[in-house]
Amino acid sequence: MRAVRRQAAMAALAVCGVLALTACQNGDDLAAPDAKPTAAAPAPPTASATVAVPTPSKTGAAPKPSATATPAGKNPPAPAPPPTPTCGADHRMPVSPDTIAVHRYTPEGGMTSLIVQHGTHGCPGRFEPSGAWTYIPISEKAKITATAPILPSEVTGKPISTSELTGWLETHPDKGLPFRYHLNAAGVIDTLDEIYVK
């Protein structure tokens, strides 16, 4: 009898153990008060999303914005224009033998003389005067052609007289307009052609 009772008691203990274990497992399935909710799946990006997400670095830190980045919706700044080359007289070039810059005139000595300056062609289409001012007599019957600004709006040479030239120089001194000239056997200017400069 004792053996039977002992087996029955052991069977009852085993059943209680199984029931207790089952109850504990069922209790774990219930939501605990401080249990954390499951993270929701991220929403898919919409068509209006235009913000680019920078790629994290290997250290996990977010990359710094580039100093040259252009704000959204703005055009990049235009590149700076190249510096304008200076165009001065190259004094290593020989002085032009037939071109002068005419500054003024003088009637001293009983003959009209132009106050001029020699120089060089430092740039295409540009005459760069240099050196001292000198006097060159001009004939009253010299063949002279003029353009702008002596004759406004003229780009091709038009004939003018010596008195017309000296009258313009009197009201417009020190302009230094370039002219090609020719001297006669007496060293007097007999031909004078203004060089048109834009």
N, C-alpha and C. Protein backbone atom coordinates (compact mmCIF):
# COMPACT_ATOMS: atom_id res chain seq x y z
N MET A 1 0.83 -1.19 0.00
CA MET A 1 0.00 0.00 0.00
C MET A 1 0.86 1.23 0.00
N ARG A 2 1.87 1.19 0.78
CA ARG A 2 2.73 2.36 0.87
C ARG A 2 3.34 2.68 -0.49
N ALA A 3 3.69 1.67 -1.20
CA ALA A 3 4.30 1.90 -2.51
C ALA A 3 3.31 2.52 -3.46
N VAL A 4 2.04 2.10 -3.36
CA VAL A 4 1.01 2.65 -4.26
C VAL A 4 0.78 4.11 -3.94
N ARG A 5 0.69 4.42 -2.63
CA ARG A 5 0.47 5.80 -2.24
C ARG A 5 1.64 6.70 -2.68
N ARG A 6 2.83 6.16 -2.55
CA ARG A 6 4.00 6.96 -2.95
C ARG A 6 3.97 7.25 -4.43
N GLN A 7 3.60 6.30 -5.27
CA GLN A 7 3.55 6.53 -6.71
C GLN A 7 2.46 7.53 -7.06
N ALA A 8 1.31 7.42 -6.32
CA ALA A 8 0.22 8.37 -6.59
C ALA A 8 0.64 9.77 -6.22
N ALA A 9 1.33 9.93 -5.09
CA ALA A 9 1.79 11.26 -4.66
C ALA A 9 2.77 11.84 -5.67
N MET A 10 3.68 11.01 -6.18
CA MET A 10 4.66 11.48 -7.15
C MET A 10 3.99 11.87 -8.44
N ALA A 11 2.95 11.12 -8.84
CA ALA A 11 2.22 11.46 -10.07
C ALA A 11 1.50 12.78 -9.89
N ALA A 12 0.91 12.98 -8.70
CA ALA A 12 0.20 14.25 -8.45
C ALA A 12 1.16 15.41 -8.48
N LEU A 13 2.35 15.25 -7.91
CA LEU A 13 3.37 16.32 -7.94
C LEU A 13 3.78 16.63 -9.38
N ALA A 14 3.90 15.62 -10.20
CA ALA A 14 4.31 15.84 -11.60
C ALA A 14 3.25 16.62 -12.35
N VAL A 15 1.95 16.26 -12.06
CA VAL A 15 0.85 16.98 -12.73
C VAL A 15 0.85 18.44 -12.30
N CYS A 16 1.05 18.70 -11.02
CA CYS A 16 1.09 20.10 -10.53
C CYS A 16 2.22 20.87 -11.17
N GLY A 17 3.34 20.20 -11.31
CA GLY A 17 4.48 20.89 -11.95
C GLY A 17 4.19 21.27 -13.38
N VAL A 18 3.54 20.36 -14.12
CA VAL A 18 3.20 20.65 -15.52
C VAL A 18 2.22 21.78 -15.60
N LEU A 19 1.19 21.76 -14.70
CA LEU A 19 0.19 22.83 -14.70
C LEU A 19 0.82 24.18 -14.36
N ALA A 20 1.73 24.20 -13.41
CA ALA A 20 2.39 25.46 -13.03
C ALA A 20 3.23 26.01 -14.18
N LEU A 21 3.93 25.12 -14.87
CA LEU A 21 4.77 25.56 -15.99
C LEU A 21 3.91 26.12 -17.11
N THR A 22 2.76 25.48 -17.38
CA THR A 22 1.86 25.97 -18.43
C THR A 22 1.30 27.33 -18.08
N ALA A 23 0.94 27.52 -16.81
CA ALA A 23 0.39 28.81 -16.37
C ALA A 23 1.41 29.90 -16.52
N CYS A 24 2.66 29.64 -16.25
CA CYS A 24 3.73 30.67 -16.39
C CYS A 24 3.91 31.06 -17.83
N GLN A 25 3.87 30.06 -18.72
CA GLN A 25 4.05 30.39 -20.14
C GLN A 25 2.90 31.22 -20.66
N ASN A 26 1.68 30.89 -20.26
CA ASN A 26 0.52 31.67 -20.69
C ASN A 26 0.57 33.08 -20.15
N GLY A 27 1.11 33.28 -18.96
CA GLY A 27 1.24 34.62 -18.38
C GLY A 27 2.20 35.49 -19.17
N ASP A 28 3.25 34.84 -19.75
CA ASP A 28 4.21 35.63 -20.56
C ASP A 28 3.56 36.14 -21.82
N ASP A 29 2.54 35.46 -22.35
CA ASP A 29 1.91 35.90 -23.60
C ASP A 29 1.10 37.15 -23.40
N LEU A 30 0.66 37.44 -22.16
CA LEU A 30 -0.11 38.65 -21.89
C LEU A 30 0.79 39.87 -21.95
N ALA A 31 0.28 41.01 -22.38
CA ALA A 31 1.10 42.23 -22.49
C ALA A 31 1.43 42.73 -21.12
N ALA A 32 2.72 42.89 -20.84
CA ALA A 32 3.15 43.45 -19.56
C ALA A 32 2.92 44.94 -19.57
N PRO A 33 2.69 45.55 -18.39
CA PRO A 33 2.41 46.99 -18.35
C PRO A 33 3.54 47.83 -18.91
N ASP A 34 4.79 47.46 -18.66
CA ASP A 34 5.91 48.29 -19.13
C ASP A 34 6.58 47.71 -20.36
N ALA A 35 5.89 46.84 -21.08
CA ALA A 35 6.48 46.29 -22.31
C ALA A 35 6.48 47.34 -23.39
N LYS A 36 7.52 47.40 -24.21
CA LYS A 36 7.68 48.40 -25.26
C LYS A 36 6.95 47.96 -26.52
N PRO A 37 6.22 48.90 -27.18
CA PRO A 37 5.53 48.51 -28.42
C PRO A 37 6.52 48.26 -29.54
N THR A 38 6.08 47.44 -30.47
CA THR A 38 6.93 47.11 -31.61
C THR A 38 7.06 48.33 -32.52
N ALA A 39 8.28 48.65 -33.00
CA ALA A 39 8.50 49.81 -33.88
C ALA A 39 7.76 49.61 -35.18
N ALA A 40 7.08 50.70 -35.60
CA ALA A 40 6.31 50.63 -36.85
C ALA A 40 7.26 50.72 -38.03
N ALA A 41 6.90 50.12 -39.13
CA ALA A 41 7.73 50.16 -40.34
C ALA A 41 7.73 51.57 -40.89
N PRO A 42 8.90 52.07 -41.39
CA PRO A 42 8.96 53.44 -41.92
C PRO A 42 8.05 53.59 -43.12
N ALA A 43 7.43 54.80 -43.20
CA ALA A 43 6.53 55.07 -44.32
C ALA A 43 7.35 55.25 -45.59
N PRO A 44 6.83 54.80 -46.72
CA PRO A 44 7.58 54.97 -47.98
C PRO A 44 7.69 56.44 -48.36
N PRO A 45 8.80 56.88 -49.02
CA PRO A 45 8.96 58.29 -49.37
C PRO A 45 7.90 58.69 -50.38
N THR A 46 7.43 59.94 -50.24
CA THR A 46 6.44 60.47 -51.16
C THR A 46 7.13 61.16 -52.32
N ALA A 47 6.34 61.50 -53.35
CA ALA A 47 6.91 62.15 -54.54
C ALA A 47 7.43 63.53 -54.24
N SER A 48 6.88 64.19 -53.15
CA SER A 48 7.31 65.56 -52.84
C SER A 48 8.57 65.60 -51.99
N ALA A 49 9.06 64.45 -51.57
CA ALA A 49 10.27 64.45 -50.75
C ALA A 49 11.47 64.71 -51.63
N THR A 50 12.17 65.82 -51.35
CA THR A 50 13.31 66.20 -52.18
C THR A 50 14.59 66.37 -51.37
N VAL A 51 14.52 66.11 -50.07
CA VAL A 51 15.69 66.30 -49.22
C VAL A 51 16.61 65.11 -49.36
N ALA A 52 17.84 65.34 -49.72
CA ALA A 52 18.82 64.26 -49.86
C ALA A 52 19.41 63.96 -48.49
N VAL A 53 19.49 62.70 -48.16
CA VAL A 53 20.05 62.29 -46.87
C VAL A 53 21.51 61.97 -47.09
N PRO A 54 22.41 62.64 -46.36
CA PRO A 54 23.83 62.35 -46.53
C PRO A 54 24.19 60.98 -46.01
N THR A 55 25.13 60.36 -46.64
CA THR A 55 25.60 59.02 -46.23
C THR A 55 26.46 59.16 -44.99
N PRO A 56 26.18 58.40 -43.92
CA PRO A 56 27.01 58.51 -42.72
C PRO A 56 28.43 58.06 -43.00
N SER A 57 29.33 58.61 -42.22
CA SER A 57 30.73 58.22 -42.37
C SER A 57 30.96 56.89 -41.67
N LYS A 58 32.15 56.35 -41.82
CA LYS A 58 32.48 55.06 -41.21
C LYS A 58 32.43 55.13 -39.70
N THR A 59 32.66 56.35 -39.14
CA THR A 59 32.64 56.48 -37.69
C THR A 59 31.24 56.65 -37.16
N GLY A 60 30.23 56.77 -38.06
CA GLY A 60 28.85 56.92 -37.63
C GLY A 60 28.41 58.36 -37.55
N ALA A 61 29.33 59.32 -37.65
CA ALA A 61 28.96 60.73 -37.57
C ALA A 61 28.43 61.20 -38.90
N ALA A 62 27.48 62.14 -38.85
CA ALA A 62 26.93 62.69 -40.09
C ALA A 62 27.98 63.54 -40.77
N PRO A 63 28.09 63.45 -42.11
CA PRO A 63 29.10 64.25 -42.81
C PRO A 63 28.79 65.72 -42.72
N LYS A 64 29.84 66.56 -42.70
CA LYS A 64 29.68 68.01 -42.65
C LYS A 64 29.31 68.52 -44.04
N PRO A 65 28.46 69.58 -44.09
CA PRO A 65 28.10 70.12 -45.41
C PRO A 65 29.31 70.73 -46.09
N SER A 66 29.34 70.61 -47.41
CA SER A 66 30.46 71.16 -48.18
C SER A 66 30.41 72.66 -48.18
N ALA A 67 31.57 73.32 -48.13
CA ALA A 67 31.63 74.78 -48.15
C ALA A 67 31.23 75.34 -49.49
N THR A 68 31.28 74.50 -50.53
CA THR A 68 30.94 74.97 -51.87
C THR A 68 29.54 74.56 -52.30
N ALA A 69 28.76 74.01 -51.37
CA ALA A 69 27.42 73.56 -51.73
C ALA A 69 26.55 74.75 -52.09
N THR A 70 25.67 74.54 -53.05
CA THR A 70 24.74 75.59 -53.48
C THR A 70 23.38 75.33 -52.86
N PRO A 71 22.74 76.33 -52.22
CA PRO A 71 21.41 76.11 -51.64
C PRO A 71 20.42 75.64 -52.69
N ALA A 72 19.42 74.85 -52.25
CA ALA A 72 18.42 74.34 -53.20
C ALA A 72 17.67 75.49 -53.84
N GLY A 73 17.41 75.37 -55.13
CA GLY A 73 16.67 76.40 -55.86
C GLY A 73 17.50 77.58 -56.28
N LYS A 74 18.79 77.59 -56.01
CA LYS A 74 19.67 78.71 -56.37
C LYS A 74 20.62 78.26 -57.46
N ASN A 75 20.90 79.17 -58.38
CA ASN A 75 21.89 78.87 -59.41
C ASN A 75 23.28 79.04 -58.83
N PRO A 76 24.26 78.25 -59.29
CA PRO A 76 25.62 78.44 -58.79
C PRO A 76 26.15 79.79 -59.24
N PRO A 77 27.01 80.42 -58.43
CA PRO A 77 27.53 81.73 -58.82
C PRO A 77 28.33 81.64 -60.11
N ALA A 78 28.21 82.68 -60.91
CA ALA A 78 28.94 82.72 -62.19
C ALA A 78 30.43 82.85 -61.91
N PRO A 79 31.26 82.20 -62.72
CA PRO A 79 32.70 82.33 -62.50
C PRO A 79 33.15 83.76 -62.73
N ALA A 80 34.15 84.15 -61.99
CA ALA A 80 34.66 85.51 -62.13
C ALA A 80 35.25 85.70 -63.52
N PRO A 81 34.99 86.87 -64.12
CA PRO A 81 35.54 87.11 -65.44
C PRO A 81 37.06 87.21 -65.39
N PRO A 82 37.71 86.78 -66.45
CA PRO A 82 39.18 86.89 -66.46
C PRO A 82 39.60 88.34 -66.42
N PRO A 83 40.72 88.65 -65.79
CA PRO A 83 41.17 90.03 -65.72
C PRO A 83 41.44 90.60 -67.10
N THR A 84 41.06 91.86 -67.28
CA THR A 84 41.29 92.53 -68.56
C THR A 84 42.78 92.79 -68.73
N PRO A 85 43.37 92.34 -69.83
CA PRO A 85 44.80 92.57 -70.01
C PRO A 85 45.09 94.05 -70.20
N THR A 86 46.13 94.49 -69.57
CA THR A 86 46.55 95.88 -69.75
C THR A 86 47.22 96.01 -71.10
N CYS A 87 46.98 97.13 -71.74
CA CYS A 87 47.48 97.31 -73.10
C CYS A 87 48.29 98.59 -73.14
N GLY A 88 49.51 98.54 -72.74
CA GLY A 88 50.35 99.73 -72.73
C GLY A 88 51.41 99.66 -73.81
N ALA A 89 52.10 100.76 -73.98
CA ALA A 89 53.14 100.82 -75.00
C ALA A 89 54.31 99.92 -74.62
N ASP A 90 54.77 99.16 -75.56
CA ASP A 90 55.96 98.34 -75.36
C ASP A 90 57.14 99.17 -75.84
N HIS A 91 57.87 99.74 -74.88
CA HIS A 91 58.94 100.67 -75.25
C HIS A 91 60.16 99.97 -75.85
N ARG A 92 60.13 98.64 -75.91
CA ARG A 92 61.20 97.94 -76.61
C ARG A 92 60.98 97.97 -78.11
N MET A 93 59.75 98.31 -78.52
CA MET A 93 59.47 98.40 -79.95
C MET A 93 60.06 99.71 -80.49
N PRO A 94 60.41 99.73 -81.75
CA PRO A 94 60.94 100.97 -82.31
C PRO A 94 59.85 102.03 -82.41
N VAL A 95 60.22 103.27 -82.27
CA VAL A 95 59.28 104.37 -82.40
C VAL A 95 58.77 104.41 -83.84
N SER A 96 57.45 104.62 -83.97
CA SER A 96 56.85 104.66 -85.30
C SER A 96 57.41 105.84 -86.09
N PRO A 97 57.91 105.60 -87.30
CA PRO A 97 58.53 106.70 -88.06
C PRO A 97 57.52 107.64 -88.72
N ASP A 98 56.23 107.22 -88.82
CA ASP A 98 55.28 108.05 -89.56
C ASP A 98 53.99 108.34 -88.79
N THR A 99 53.99 108.10 -87.46
CA THR A 99 52.79 108.33 -86.67
C THR A 99 53.11 109.25 -85.49
N ILE A 100 52.22 110.21 -85.25
CA ILE A 100 52.38 111.14 -84.14
C ILE A 100 51.04 111.32 -83.44
N ALA A 101 51.10 111.68 -82.16
CA ALA A 101 49.92 112.09 -81.41
C ALA A 101 49.91 113.61 -81.39
N VAL A 102 48.85 114.22 -81.92
CA VAL A 102 48.77 115.67 -82.02
C VAL A 102 48.03 116.20 -80.80
N HIS A 103 48.71 117.08 -80.03
CA HIS A 103 48.14 117.63 -78.81
C HIS A 103 47.61 119.06 -78.99
N ARG A 104 48.46 119.92 -79.57
CA ARG A 104 48.10 121.34 -79.71
C ARG A 104 48.73 121.89 -80.99
N TYR A 105 48.63 123.22 -81.14
CA TYR A 105 49.33 123.89 -82.23
C TYR A 105 49.82 125.24 -81.71
N THR A 106 50.76 125.82 -82.43
CA THR A 106 51.25 127.16 -82.09
C THR A 106 51.57 127.92 -83.39
N PRO A 107 51.22 129.23 -83.43
CA PRO A 107 51.55 130.04 -84.62
C PRO A 107 52.88 130.77 -84.50
N GLU A 108 53.61 130.48 -83.47
CA GLU A 108 54.87 131.20 -83.23
C GLU A 108 55.87 130.95 -84.36
N GLY A 109 56.68 131.96 -84.61
CA GLY A 109 57.69 131.87 -85.65
C GLY A 109 57.15 132.19 -87.03
N GLY A 110 55.91 132.69 -87.10
CA GLY A 110 55.34 133.06 -88.39
C GLY A 110 54.81 131.88 -89.19
N MET A 111 54.81 130.69 -88.59
CA MET A 111 54.33 129.51 -89.30
C MET A 111 53.59 128.61 -88.31
N THR A 112 52.51 127.99 -88.75
CA THR A 112 51.75 127.09 -87.88
C THR A 112 52.56 125.82 -87.65
N SER A 113 52.71 125.46 -86.38
CA SER A 113 53.41 124.22 -86.01
C SER A 113 52.52 123.40 -85.09
N LEU A 114 52.54 122.11 -85.30
CA LEU A 114 51.80 121.20 -84.43
C LEU A 114 52.68 120.78 -83.27
N ILE A 115 52.10 120.74 -82.07
CA ILE A 115 52.81 120.24 -80.89
C ILE A 115 52.43 118.76 -80.76
N VAL A 116 53.41 117.91 -80.96
CA VAL A 116 53.14 116.48 -81.13
C VAL A 116 54.02 115.64 -80.21
N GLN A 117 53.74 114.36 -80.21
CA GLN A 117 54.51 113.38 -79.43
C GLN A 117 54.62 112.11 -80.26
N HIS A 118 55.83 111.58 -80.37
CA HIS A 118 56.02 110.32 -81.06
C HIS A 118 55.67 109.16 -80.12
N GLY A 119 55.68 107.96 -80.65
CA GLY A 119 55.34 106.81 -79.82
C GLY A 119 55.40 105.53 -80.60
N THR A 120 54.72 104.51 -80.06
CA THR A 120 54.74 103.17 -80.66
C THR A 120 53.32 102.63 -80.79
N HIS A 121 53.17 101.62 -81.63
CA HIS A 121 51.91 100.90 -81.73
C HIS A 121 51.97 99.76 -80.73
N GLY A 122 51.51 100.03 -79.50
CA GLY A 122 51.60 99.03 -78.45
C GLY A 122 50.57 97.94 -78.56
N CYS A 123 49.38 98.21 -79.11
CA CYS A 123 48.31 97.24 -79.25
C CYS A 123 47.70 97.39 -80.63
N PRO A 124 47.03 96.36 -81.13
CA PRO A 124 46.39 96.48 -82.44
C PRO A 124 45.41 97.65 -82.48
N GLY A 125 45.64 98.56 -83.42
CA GLY A 125 44.76 99.71 -83.56
C GLY A 125 44.95 100.80 -82.54
N ARG A 126 45.94 100.66 -81.69
CA ARG A 126 46.19 101.66 -80.65
C ARG A 126 47.58 102.24 -80.81
N PHE A 127 47.66 103.56 -80.71
CA PHE A 127 48.95 104.23 -80.75
C PHE A 127 49.23 104.76 -79.36
N GLU A 128 50.39 104.42 -78.82
CA GLU A 128 50.75 104.82 -77.47
C GLU A 128 51.86 105.87 -77.54
N PRO A 129 51.52 107.16 -77.28
CA PRO A 129 52.56 108.20 -77.32
C PRO A 129 53.53 108.05 -76.15
N SER A 130 54.75 108.43 -76.39
CA SER A 130 55.77 108.39 -75.34
C SER A 130 56.87 109.39 -75.69
N GLY A 131 57.63 109.74 -74.71
CA GLY A 131 58.73 110.67 -74.95
C GLY A 131 58.30 112.13 -74.86
N ALA A 132 59.23 113.01 -75.26
CA ALA A 132 59.02 114.46 -75.13
C ALA A 132 58.08 115.00 -76.20
N TRP A 133 57.42 116.13 -75.90
CA TRP A 133 56.62 116.85 -76.87
C TRP A 133 57.54 117.66 -77.77
N THR A 134 57.25 117.67 -79.04
CA THR A 134 58.08 118.42 -80.00
C THR A 134 57.19 119.24 -80.93
N TYR A 135 57.84 120.10 -81.76
CA TYR A 135 57.13 120.94 -82.72
C TYR A 135 57.44 120.46 -84.13
N ILE A 136 56.41 120.38 -84.95
CA ILE A 136 56.63 120.10 -86.37
C ILE A 136 55.78 121.10 -87.17
N PRO A 137 56.38 121.91 -88.03
CA PRO A 137 55.59 122.86 -88.83
C PRO A 137 54.71 122.14 -89.84
N ILE A 138 53.55 122.74 -90.12
CA ILE A 138 52.60 122.16 -91.07
C ILE A 138 52.27 123.21 -92.13
N SER A 139 52.20 122.78 -93.34
CA SER A 139 51.88 123.67 -94.46
C SER A 139 50.42 124.11 -94.38
N GLU A 140 50.17 125.36 -94.79
CA GLU A 140 48.79 125.86 -94.85
C GLU A 140 48.00 125.14 -95.94
N LYS A 141 48.70 124.53 -96.87
CA LYS A 141 48.04 123.81 -97.96
C LYS A 141 48.18 122.29 -97.81
N ALA A 142 48.45 121.84 -96.59
CA ALA A 142 48.63 120.40 -96.35
C ALA A 142 47.34 119.64 -96.65
N LYS A 143 47.50 118.44 -97.19
CA LYS A 143 46.35 117.57 -97.43
C LYS A 143 46.05 116.82 -96.13
N ILE A 144 44.92 117.18 -95.53
CA ILE A 144 44.56 116.61 -94.22
C ILE A 144 43.24 115.87 -94.35
N THR A 145 43.19 114.68 -93.79
CA THR A 145 41.92 113.94 -93.67
C THR A 145 41.64 113.70 -92.19
N ALA A 146 40.35 113.79 -91.82
CA ALA A 146 39.96 113.64 -90.42
C ALA A 146 38.78 112.68 -90.31
N THR A 147 38.68 112.06 -89.14
CA THR A 147 37.54 111.17 -88.81
C THR A 147 36.96 111.64 -87.48
N ALA A 148 36.16 110.82 -86.83
CA ALA A 148 35.69 111.12 -85.48
C ALA A 148 36.91 111.09 -84.54
N PRO A 149 37.00 111.95 -83.55
CA PRO A 149 35.97 112.88 -83.10
C PRO A 149 36.01 114.27 -83.75
N ILE A 150 37.02 114.53 -84.61
CA ILE A 150 37.05 115.85 -85.25
C ILE A 150 35.81 116.03 -86.11
N LEU A 151 35.48 115.01 -86.90
CA LEU A 151 34.24 114.99 -87.68
C LEU A 151 33.34 113.93 -87.05
N PRO A 152 32.32 114.32 -86.29
CA PRO A 152 31.49 113.33 -85.60
C PRO A 152 30.88 112.31 -86.55
N SER A 153 30.82 111.09 -86.11
CA SER A 153 30.20 109.97 -86.82
C SER A 153 30.95 109.55 -88.07
N GLU A 154 32.12 110.09 -88.32
CA GLU A 154 32.90 109.70 -89.50
C GLU A 154 33.92 108.65 -89.10
N VAL A 155 33.95 107.54 -89.86
CA VAL A 155 34.95 106.50 -89.60
C VAL A 155 35.94 106.41 -90.76
N THR A 156 35.63 107.06 -91.85
CA THR A 156 36.58 107.12 -92.98
C THR A 156 37.04 108.57 -93.13
N GLY A 157 38.25 108.73 -93.59
CA GLY A 157 38.83 110.07 -93.67
C GLY A 157 38.09 111.00 -94.62
N LYS A 158 37.83 112.23 -94.15
CA LYS A 158 37.24 113.29 -94.96
C LYS A 158 38.20 114.47 -94.98
N PRO A 159 38.34 115.13 -96.13
CA PRO A 159 39.29 116.24 -96.20
C PRO A 159 38.86 117.43 -95.35
N ILE A 160 39.84 118.03 -94.65
CA ILE A 160 39.63 119.29 -93.94
C ILE A 160 40.86 120.16 -94.20
N SER A 161 40.73 121.44 -93.90
CA SER A 161 41.84 122.38 -94.11
C SER A 161 42.69 122.48 -92.86
N THR A 162 43.85 123.09 -92.99
CA THR A 162 44.72 123.29 -91.83
C THR A 162 44.04 124.18 -90.80
N SER A 163 43.31 125.21 -91.25
CA SER A 163 42.62 126.09 -90.30
C SER A 163 41.50 125.35 -89.56
N GLU A 164 40.84 124.41 -90.21
CA GLU A 164 39.82 123.61 -89.53
C GLU A 164 40.45 122.73 -88.45
N LEU A 165 41.61 122.20 -88.77
CA LEU A 165 42.30 121.36 -87.79
C LEU A 165 42.73 122.20 -86.59
N THR A 166 43.36 123.33 -86.82
CA THR A 166 43.84 124.15 -85.71
C THR A 166 42.66 124.72 -84.90
N GLY A 167 41.53 124.98 -85.56
CA GLY A 167 40.35 125.45 -84.82
C GLY A 167 39.84 124.38 -83.87
N TRP A 168 39.85 123.10 -84.31
CA TRP A 168 39.42 122.01 -83.43
C TRP A 168 40.42 121.82 -82.29
N LEU A 169 41.71 121.91 -82.58
CA LEU A 169 42.73 121.75 -81.53
C LEU A 169 42.63 122.85 -80.48
N GLU A 170 42.21 124.05 -80.90
CA GLU A 170 42.09 125.16 -79.95
C GLU A 170 40.99 124.89 -78.93
N THR A 171 39.91 124.25 -79.35
CA THR A 171 38.80 123.95 -78.43
C THR A 171 38.91 122.56 -77.78
N HIS A 172 39.80 121.73 -78.29
CA HIS A 172 39.99 120.37 -77.74
C HIS A 172 41.49 120.09 -77.55
N PRO A 173 42.16 120.82 -76.65
CA PRO A 173 43.60 120.59 -76.49
C PRO A 173 43.91 119.28 -75.78
N ASP A 174 45.10 118.78 -76.03
CA ASP A 174 45.67 117.63 -75.30
C ASP A 174 44.89 116.34 -75.50
N LYS A 175 44.22 116.16 -76.63
CA LYS A 175 43.52 114.92 -76.92
C LYS A 175 44.48 113.83 -77.41
N GLY A 176 45.58 114.24 -78.00
CA GLY A 176 46.57 113.25 -78.44
C GLY A 176 46.07 112.33 -79.53
N LEU A 177 45.27 112.85 -80.47
CA LEU A 177 44.76 112.00 -81.55
C LEU A 177 45.90 111.54 -82.44
N PRO A 178 45.88 110.26 -82.87
CA PRO A 178 46.96 109.75 -83.71
C PRO A 178 46.77 110.13 -85.19
N PHE A 179 47.86 110.54 -85.82
CA PHE A 179 47.87 110.88 -87.25
C PHE A 179 49.11 110.26 -87.89
N ARG A 180 48.95 109.83 -89.14
CA ARG A 180 50.11 109.49 -89.97
C ARG A 180 50.48 110.76 -90.72
N TYR A 181 51.78 111.02 -90.83
CA TYR A 181 52.21 112.27 -91.46
C TYR A 181 53.34 112.03 -92.46
N HIS A 182 53.53 113.02 -93.30
CA HIS A 182 54.63 112.99 -94.27
C HIS A 182 55.24 114.37 -94.33
N LEU A 183 56.57 114.42 -94.41
CA LEU A 183 57.28 115.69 -94.50
C LEU A 183 57.76 115.93 -95.93
N ASN A 184 57.70 117.18 -96.35
CA ASN A 184 58.27 117.52 -97.66
C ASN A 184 59.77 117.74 -97.52
N ALA A 185 60.41 118.16 -98.60
CA ALA A 185 61.88 118.33 -98.59
C ALA A 185 62.33 119.37 -97.58
N ALA A 186 61.44 120.32 -97.24
CA ALA A 186 61.79 121.38 -96.28
C ALA A 186 61.52 120.96 -94.84
N GLY A 187 61.04 119.73 -94.61
CA GLY A 187 60.76 119.27 -93.24
C GLY A 187 59.44 119.77 -92.70
N VAL A 188 58.52 120.11 -93.61
CA VAL A 188 57.20 120.61 -93.21
C VAL A 188 56.16 119.53 -93.54
N ILE A 189 55.18 119.39 -92.66
CA ILE A 189 54.13 118.39 -92.91
C ILE A 189 53.32 118.82 -94.12
N ASP A 190 53.25 117.94 -95.13
CA ASP A 190 52.41 118.23 -96.29
C ASP A 190 51.23 117.26 -96.42
N THR A 191 51.25 116.15 -95.64
CA THR A 191 50.15 115.18 -95.63
C THR A 191 49.93 114.75 -94.18
N LEU A 192 48.65 114.75 -93.77
CA LEU A 192 48.31 114.39 -92.39
C LEU A 192 46.98 113.64 -92.42
N ASP A 193 46.99 112.37 -91.98
CA ASP A 193 45.78 111.53 -92.02
C ASP A 193 45.48 111.02 -90.61
N GLU A 194 44.28 111.37 -90.13
CA GLU A 194 43.89 110.91 -88.80
C GLU A 194 43.62 109.41 -88.81
N ILE A 195 44.08 108.71 -87.77
CA ILE A 195 43.83 107.28 -87.62
C ILE A 195 42.57 107.12 -86.76
N TYR A 196 41.55 106.48 -87.33
CA TYR A 196 40.30 106.31 -86.58
C TYR A 196 40.48 105.28 -85.47
N VAL A 197 40.08 105.67 -84.26
CA VAL A 197 40.16 104.79 -83.09
C VAL A 197 38.77 104.72 -82.46
N LYS A 198 38.28 103.50 -82.20
CA LYS A 198 36.95 103.34 -81.60
C LYS A 198 36.98 103.83 -80.16
